[in-house]
């Protein structure tokens, strides 16, 4: 009995292996559909992939903006909290020792609240950028690293976001006297040899840090969608990212 079964099983096995080798050989013409497993990235159309990545960006950017724009979105998140400018950090301990601690805390809080006030401006800019993603872009990004979509998006929107954020940051900083607070702290800081003597544009500093925090949060959302099935909130996200 064993001998009769092997007469059928072994040739069938060899035939299956031969088909797979044929399909994978670069010297052989490819048979349409051969080697594609339903549900894998290779079986998805370009349109599905592009739509899936756009949906991932839409979901990710909405969540990221919502997180940073809420009260305490920057201030209470140690991963993106805007800290003292580098010129003041080396002397923070000395400043606190001479009674400037509350002023430092107030200054830091004001910078973070300014970033939170500017963050909603990102929603419209992100939405426009999502629409402009091409199928070619999508194909390249699907199999990229955990933050490849975020990095692409950052390169496309940073300049526009900085322009949109600046007036909101300046208005919030002015309303809270942040520039004056910075000047007061800088004036009280001991002038150490390694400290830079160049004047800091505190508004630019806050805008740049606000964008850094925003893209960090977007990157976290992308990682979740790529690695955590529970974060794929739509059927399209499940299909596209479940194929990786």
Protein backbone atom coordinates (compact mmCIF):
# COMPACT_ATOMS: atom_id res chain seq x y z
CA UNK A 1 0.00 0.00 0.00
CA UNK A 2 2.81 2.40 0.97
CA UNK A 3 4.56 1.76 -2.34
CA UNK A 4 1.39 2.53 -4.36
CA UNK A 5 0.74 5.81 -2.46
CA UNK A 6 4.29 7.04 -2.95
CA UNK A 7 3.95 6.52 -6.71
CA UNK A 8 1.35 9.33 -6.70
CA UNK A 9 2.53 11.55 -3.83
CA UNK A 10 6.16 11.98 -4.86
CA UNK A 11 5.47 13.03 -8.49
CA UNK A 12 2.80 15.45 -7.27
CA UNK A 13 5.24 16.97 -4.79
CA UNK A 14 7.95 17.33 -7.45
CA UNK A 15 5.47 18.90 -9.85
CA UNK A 16 4.47 21.49 -7.18
CA UNK A 17 8.11 22.38 -6.49
CA UNK A 18 8.80 22.68 -10.20
CA UNK A 19 5.91 25.09 -10.69
CA UNK A 20 7.16 27.34 -7.86
CA UNK A 21 10.71 27.38 -9.23
CA UNK A 22 9.39 28.18 -12.69
CA UNK A 23 7.34 31.07 -11.37
CA UNK A 24 10.28 32.54 -9.44
CA UNK A 25 12.89 32.19 -12.15
CA UNK A 26 13.91 35.57 -13.69
CA UNK A 27 14.70 33.80 -16.97
CA UNK A 28 11.23 32.38 -17.41
CA UNK A 29 8.16 34.33 -18.61
CA UNK A 30 5.80 34.98 -15.72
CA UNK A 31 2.34 33.48 -15.77
CA UNK A 32 -0.22 36.13 -14.70
CA UNK A 33 -1.34 35.51 -11.13
CA UNK A 34 1.10 32.65 -10.52
CA UNK A 35 2.87 33.02 -7.19
CA UNK A 36 0.44 35.67 -5.93
CA UNK A 37 -1.24 34.69 -2.72
CA UNK A 38 -4.64 36.31 -2.18
CA UNK A 39 -4.46 38.92 0.57
CA UNK A 40 -0.74 39.66 0.16
CA UNK A 41 0.68 43.02 -0.98
CA UNK A 42 1.49 41.54 -4.39
CA UNK A 43 -2.19 40.73 -4.97
CA UNK A 44 -3.40 44.25 -4.17
CA UNK A 45 -3.99 46.70 -6.98
CA UNK A 46 -2.15 50.01 -7.13
CA UNK A 47 -5.43 51.77 -6.49
CA UNK A 48 -6.06 49.73 -3.35
CA UNK A 49 -2.57 50.40 -2.04
CA UNK A 50 -2.81 54.13 -2.71
CA UNK A 51 -6.24 54.31 -1.12
CA UNK A 52 -5.02 52.33 1.88
CA UNK A 53 -2.05 54.60 2.49
CA UNK A 54 -4.16 57.71 2.08
CA UNK A 55 -6.62 56.32 4.57
CA UNK A 56 -3.77 55.50 6.97
CA UNK A 57 -2.55 59.07 6.69
CA UNK A 58 -6.02 60.48 7.17
CA UNK A 59 -6.60 58.38 10.28
CA UNK A 60 -3.10 58.99 11.62
CA UNK A 61 -3.04 62.74 11.06
CA UNK A 62 -6.48 63.26 12.59
CA UNK A 63 -5.47 61.38 15.73
CA UNK A 64 -2.06 63.09 15.93
CA UNK A 65 -3.51 66.59 15.56
CA UNK A 66 -6.23 65.83 18.09
CA UNK A 67 -3.66 64.59 20.61
CA UNK A 68 -1.31 67.59 20.40
CA UNK A 69 -4.03 70.24 20.10
CA UNK A 70 -5.84 69.35 23.31
CA UNK A 71 -4.98 71.21 26.54
CA UNK A 72 -1.72 69.76 27.79
CA UNK A 73 -1.15 67.98 24.48
CA UNK A 74 2.48 69.08 24.46
CA UNK A 75 3.03 70.08 28.07
CA UNK A 76 1.86 66.80 29.61
CA UNK A 77 3.54 64.51 27.07
CA UNK A 78 7.19 64.04 27.99
CA UNK A 79 7.96 62.66 24.54
CA UNK A 80 7.14 65.98 22.82
CA UNK A 81 7.16 68.56 25.63
CA UNK A 82 8.97 71.73 24.57
CA UNK A 83 11.82 72.28 27.01
CA UNK A 84 13.98 75.28 27.77
CA UNK A 85 16.03 76.48 24.80
CA UNK A 86 19.51 74.88 24.74
CA UNK A 87 21.13 78.18 25.75
CA UNK A 88 19.34 78.08 29.12
CA UNK A 89 19.50 74.37 29.94
CA UNK A 90 23.09 74.39 31.24
CA UNK A 91 22.18 77.04 33.82
CA UNK A 92 18.67 75.88 34.74
CA UNK A 93 19.83 74.52 38.10
CA UNK A 94 21.53 77.82 38.92
CA UNK A 95 18.44 79.78 37.94
CA UNK A 96 16.20 77.62 40.10
CA UNK A 97 18.66 78.00 42.99
CA UNK A 98 18.19 81.78 42.91
CA UNK A 99 14.38 81.60 42.97
CA UNK A 100 13.66 81.54 39.23
CA UNK A 101 11.99 78.10 39.27
CA UNK A 102 8.38 79.33 39.03
CA UNK A 103 9.33 81.67 36.19
CA UNK A 104 11.03 78.82 34.33
CA UNK A 105 7.97 76.61 34.74
CA UNK A 106 5.67 79.40 33.58
CA UNK A 107 7.88 80.08 30.57
CA UNK A 108 7.96 76.40 29.59
CA UNK A 109 4.19 76.06 30.00
CA UNK A 110 3.61 79.15 27.84
CA UNK A 111 5.73 77.74 25.00
CA UNK A 112 3.83 74.46 25.07
CA UNK A 113 0.44 76.14 25.19
CA UNK A 114 1.46 78.20 22.15
CA UNK A 115 2.24 75.00 20.26
CA UNK A 116 -1.11 73.53 21.27
CA UNK A 117 -2.88 76.64 20.01
CA UNK A 118 -1.19 76.37 16.60
CA UNK A 119 -1.68 72.61 16.12
CA UNK A 120 -5.23 72.67 14.63
CA UNK A 121 -3.80 74.48 11.59
CA UNK A 122 -2.18 71.20 10.57
CA UNK A 123 -5.48 69.44 9.86
CA UNK A 124 -6.26 71.22 6.58
CA UNK A 125 -2.67 71.12 5.34
CA UNK A 126 -2.43 67.41 6.05
CA UNK A 127 -5.75 66.80 4.30
CA UNK A 128 -4.58 68.55 1.13
CA UNK A 129 -1.28 66.68 1.14
CA UNK A 130 -3.02 63.31 1.48
CA UNK A 131 -5.01 64.00 -1.69
CA UNK A 132 -1.82 64.71 -3.62
CA UNK A 133 -0.15 61.37 -2.88
CA UNK A 134 0.41 59.46 -6.12
CA UNK A 135 0.14 55.75 -6.81
CA UNK A 136 3.90 55.69 -7.40
CA UNK A 137 4.46 57.25 -3.97
CA UNK A 138 2.19 54.67 -2.39
CA UNK A 139 3.96 51.68 -3.93
CA UNK A 140 7.32 52.91 -2.61
CA UNK A 141 6.03 53.61 0.89
CA UNK A 142 3.93 50.52 1.53
CA UNK A 143 6.91 48.29 2.26
CA UNK A 144 9.04 51.00 3.87
CA UNK A 145 10.04 51.31 7.50
CA UNK A 146 7.62 51.86 10.36
CA UNK A 147 7.64 55.65 9.84
CA UNK A 148 8.33 55.86 6.10
CA UNK A 149 4.93 57.43 5.37
CA UNK A 150 5.45 59.99 8.13
CA UNK A 151 8.93 60.83 6.83
CA UNK A 152 7.54 61.30 3.32
CA UNK A 153 4.75 63.47 4.67
CA UNK A 154 7.19 65.52 6.71
CA UNK A 155 9.22 66.32 3.61
CA UNK A 156 6.07 67.42 1.78
CA UNK A 157 4.40 69.59 4.43
CA UNK A 158 7.00 70.98 6.86
CA UNK A 159 7.54 74.31 5.10
CA UNK A 160 3.81 74.98 4.72
CA UNK A 161 3.13 73.95 8.31
CA UNK A 162 5.84 76.24 9.64
CA UNK A 163 4.28 79.16 7.76
CA UNK A 164 0.80 78.30 9.06
CA UNK A 165 1.95 77.73 12.64
CA UNK A 166 4.01 80.88 13.04
CA UNK A 167 1.25 83.52 13.36
CA UNK A 168 -0.63 81.39 15.88
CA UNK A 169 2.52 80.77 17.90
CA UNK A 170 3.43 84.46 17.79
CA UNK A 171 -0.07 85.48 18.90
CA UNK A 172 -0.07 83.02 21.80
CA UNK A 173 3.47 83.93 22.80
CA UNK A 174 2.64 87.63 22.73
CA UNK A 175 -0.55 87.17 24.75
CA UNK A 176 1.41 85.33 27.43
CA UNK A 177 4.48 87.55 27.31
CA UNK A 178 6.71 84.59 26.45
CA UNK A 179 9.38 86.61 24.68
CA UNK A 180 9.67 88.93 27.66
CA UNK A 181 9.88 85.94 30.00
CA UNK A 182 12.67 84.48 27.91
CA UNK A 183 14.58 87.76 27.90
CA UNK A 184 14.17 88.03 31.67
CA UNK A 185 15.46 84.51 32.24
CA UNK A 186 18.32 84.95 29.78
CA UNK A 187 19.30 88.17 31.54
CA UNK A 188 19.49 86.40 34.88
CA UNK A 189 21.46 83.44 33.54
CA UNK A 190 25.17 83.40 34.41
CA UNK A 191 27.17 83.88 31.24
CA UNK A 192 29.26 80.73 31.00
CA UNK A 193 32.10 80.36 28.47
CA UNK A 194 30.37 77.56 26.54
CA UNK A 195 27.07 79.44 26.17
CA UNK A 196 26.22 80.85 22.75
CA UNK A 197 26.09 84.62 22.53
CA UNK A 198 23.79 84.59 19.48
CA UNK A 199 20.25 85.84 20.05
CA UNK A 200 17.59 83.14 19.86
CA UNK A 201 14.40 83.69 17.86
CA UNK A 202 12.11 82.17 20.45
CA UNK A 203 9.12 82.07 18.07
CA UNK A 204 11.05 80.04 15.51
CA UNK A 205 12.26 77.74 18.26
CA UNK A 206 8.70 77.01 19.39
CA UNK A 207 7.41 76.54 15.82
CA UNK A 208 10.17 74.02 15.06
CA UNK A 209 9.63 72.12 18.29
CA UNK A 210 5.87 72.11 17.72
CA UNK A 211 6.41 70.49 14.32
CA UNK A 212 8.86 67.97 15.74
CA UNK A 213 6.25 66.93 18.29
CA UNK A 214 3.48 66.73 15.71
CA UNK A 215 5.48 64.46 13.40
CA UNK A 216 6.61 62.33 16.32
CA UNK A 217 2.97 61.70 17.20
CA UNK A 218 2.11 60.99 13.56
CA UNK A 219 4.97 58.49 13.45
CA UNK A 220 3.56 56.75 16.52
CA UNK A 221 0.18 56.48 14.81
CA UNK A 222 1.79 55.00 11.70
CA UNK A 223 3.68 52.42 13.76
CA UNK A 224 0.44 51.41 15.42
CA UNK A 225 -1.34 50.92 12.09
CA UNK A 226 1.57 48.92 10.68
CA UNK A 227 2.19 46.67 13.67
CA UNK A 228 -1.05 46.48 15.64
CA UNK A 229 -4.08 44.95 13.90
CA UNK A 230 -6.37 46.54 16.49
CA UNK A 231 -5.32 49.99 15.26
CA UNK A 232 -6.59 49.29 11.73
CA UNK A 233 -9.99 50.86 12.14
CA UNK A 234 -11.37 50.27 8.63
CA UNK A 235 -11.69 47.29 6.29
CA UNK A 236 -9.31 48.92 3.80
CA UNK A 237 -6.61 49.43 6.43
CA UNK A 238 -7.01 45.80 7.52
CA UNK A 239 -6.66 44.58 3.95
CA UNK A 240 -3.67 46.71 2.94
CA UNK A 241 -1.62 46.58 6.12
CA UNK A 242 -2.67 43.04 6.95
CA UNK A 243 -0.98 41.99 3.71
CA UNK A 244 2.50 43.03 4.85
